[in-house]
Amino acid sequence: MLALSYKGIGINTQAYRYYFKSRDERQIVECLKEVGKEVYPSEMDLLYARACIDMILRSPETQKTRYILDEGKKVCGDKPLFTFIHFLIEALILEEFDLIKKMALEDFAKELARDDTFADKIDKIC
């Protein structure tokens, strides 16, 4: 109810926070679309990548993360961060935690460095 209330008055960042607590991926994406109107186009992929990583931390249901990822691709196109998240999901399913760390530290380090919270979140995921 709080999320709906905040969304109704246009405070999408707060609505996003409460939709995230309820793990409502569809409403999370709707809030991201609204918040995305206020960020630089070069940072749009970061919004969706953060949401994907946060969903992985909060929900074992990979289809929720895949939904956010797919919607991010529709908005931003195929980005390196999205490639990492795709591999992250697959590696988690296979329980390949060493592969995740290798990818984060070597293959996608430059992209992940765009957000200083990613390193800590990837450690928590592993």
Protein backbone atom coordinates (compact mmCIF):
# COMPACT_ATOMS: atom_id res chain seq x y z
CA MET A 1 0.00 0.00 0.00
CA LEU A 2 2.87 2.36 0.77
CA ALA A 3 4.42 1.67 -2.63
CA LEU A 4 1.15 2.38 -4.40
CA SER A 5 0.71 5.57 -2.39
CA TYR A 6 4.21 6.84 -3.22
CA LYS A 7 3.77 5.93 -6.88
CA GLY A 8 0.46 7.77 -6.97
CA ILE A 9 2.08 11.02 -5.87
CA GLY A 10 5.07 10.59 -8.15
CA ILE A 11 7.73 9.64 -5.61
CA ASN A 12 8.98 6.70 -7.63
CA THR A 13 12.23 6.17 -5.72
CA GLN A 14 10.29 5.47 -2.53
CA ALA A 15 7.72 3.38 -4.38
CA TYR A 16 10.60 1.36 -5.85
CA ARG A 17 11.95 0.68 -2.36
CA TYR A 18 8.63 -0.70 -1.13
CA TYR A 19 7.92 -2.68 -4.29
CA PHE A 20 11.33 -4.23 -3.80
CA LYS A 21 10.43 -5.31 -0.28
CA SER A 22 7.45 -7.14 -1.73
CA ARG A 23 9.60 -8.50 -4.60
CA ASP A 24 7.11 -7.25 -7.20
CA GLU A 25 9.33 -7.28 -10.28
CA ARG A 26 6.74 -5.79 -12.61
CA GLN A 27 6.18 -2.73 -10.45
CA ILE A 28 9.93 -2.43 -9.85
CA VAL A 29 10.41 -2.13 -13.61
CA GLU A 30 7.62 0.44 -13.87
CA CYS A 31 9.36 2.56 -11.23
CA LEU A 32 12.69 2.13 -13.01
CA LYS A 33 11.15 3.46 -16.19
CA GLU A 34 9.97 6.57 -14.36
CA VAL A 35 13.21 7.10 -12.45
CA GLY A 36 15.10 6.52 -15.70
CA LYS A 37 13.63 9.73 -17.08
CA GLU A 38 15.76 11.63 -14.56
CA VAL A 39 19.16 10.00 -15.17
CA TYR A 40 21.75 10.29 -17.90
CA PRO A 41 21.13 7.81 -20.73
CA SER A 42 24.60 6.36 -20.13
CA GLU A 43 23.52 5.33 -16.62
CA MET A 44 20.27 3.57 -17.50
CA ASP A 45 21.93 0.16 -17.58
CA LEU A 46 23.19 0.76 -14.04
CA LEU A 47 19.62 1.19 -12.77
CA TYR A 48 18.56 -2.15 -14.18
CA ALA A 49 21.80 -3.90 -13.19
CA ARG A 50 21.41 -2.72 -9.58
CA ALA A 51 17.84 -3.97 -9.53
CA CYS A 52 18.91 -7.36 -10.92
CA ILE A 53 21.71 -7.80 -8.39
CA ASP A 54 19.48 -6.67 -5.54
CA MET A 55 16.78 -9.13 -6.64
CA ILE A 56 19.35 -11.95 -6.68
CA LEU A 57 20.24 -11.04 -3.10
CA ARG A 58 16.61 -11.01 -1.98
CA SER A 59 14.90 -13.74 -3.94
CA PRO A 60 15.90 -17.24 -4.99
CA GLU A 61 13.40 -16.98 -7.86
CA THR A 62 15.63 -16.34 -10.88
CA GLN A 63 12.64 -15.59 -13.11
CA LYS A 64 12.18 -12.30 -11.24
CA THR A 65 15.75 -11.29 -12.01
CA ARG A 66 15.41 -12.48 -15.60
CA TYR A 67 12.29 -10.34 -16.03
CA ILE A 68 14.11 -7.21 -14.82
CA LEU A 69 17.09 -8.08 -17.04
CA ASP A 70 14.89 -8.57 -20.11
CA GLU A 71 13.11 -5.29 -19.51
CA GLY A 72 16.46 -3.55 -19.09
CA LYS A 73 17.57 -4.91 -22.45
CA LYS A 74 14.43 -3.51 -24.05
CA VAL A 75 15.25 -0.05 -22.73
CA CYS A 76 19.05 -0.02 -23.02
CA GLY A 77 19.92 -2.66 -25.58
CA ASP A 78 22.48 -5.35 -24.90
CA LYS A 79 25.08 -3.96 -22.48
CA PRO A 80 28.14 -5.58 -20.87
CA LEU A 81 26.55 -5.35 -17.41
CA PHE A 82 23.56 -7.30 -18.71
CA THR A 83 25.89 -9.94 -20.12
CA PHE A 84 27.51 -10.25 -16.70
CA ILE A 85 24.13 -10.61 -14.98
CA HIS A 86 23.08 -13.28 -17.46
CA PHE A 87 26.27 -15.24 -16.69
CA LEU A 88 25.79 -14.56 -12.98
CA ILE A 89 22.33 -16.15 -13.00
CA GLU A 90 23.56 -19.19 -14.90
CA ALA A 91 26.63 -19.59 -12.66
CA LEU A 92 24.43 -19.36 -9.55
CA ILE A 93 22.17 -22.10 -10.84
CA LEU A 94 25.26 -24.27 -11.37
CA GLU A 95 26.75 -23.14 -8.03
CA GLU A 96 29.93 -21.97 -9.78
CA PHE A 97 30.91 -19.34 -7.23
CA ASP A 98 34.58 -19.30 -8.23
CA LEU A 99 33.56 -18.56 -11.80
CA ILE A 100 31.43 -15.65 -10.58
CA LYS A 101 34.37 -14.16 -8.69
CA LYS A 102 36.68 -14.65 -11.67
CA MET A 103 34.23 -12.95 -14.00
CA ALA A 104 33.73 -10.08 -11.56
CA LEU A 105 37.44 -9.53 -10.94
CA GLU A 106 38.74 -10.08 -14.47
CA ASP A 107 36.25 -10.15 -17.31
CA PHE A 108 33.77 -7.51 -16.13
CA ALA A 109 35.83 -5.54 -13.61
CA LYS A 110 35.69 -2.32 -15.62
CA GLU A 111 31.92 -2.40 -15.94
CA LEU A 112 31.32 -3.40 -12.33
CA ALA A 113 33.61 -0.59 -11.15
CA ARG A 114 31.00 1.90 -12.38
CA ASP A 115 29.10 1.25 -9.13
CA ASP A 116 31.14 0.88 -5.96
CA THR A 117 28.46 -1.26 -4.29
CA PHE A 118 28.68 -4.06 -6.85
CA ALA A 119 31.84 -5.66 -5.41
CA ASP A 120 30.32 -6.07 -1.95
CA LYS A 121 27.04 -7.35 -3.37
CA ILE A 122 28.81 -9.91 -5.57
CA ASP A 123 30.71 -11.13 -2.47
CA LYS A 124 27.42 -11.53 -0.61
CA ILE A 125 25.92 -13.44 -3.52
CA CYS A 126 28.86 -15.83 -3.55
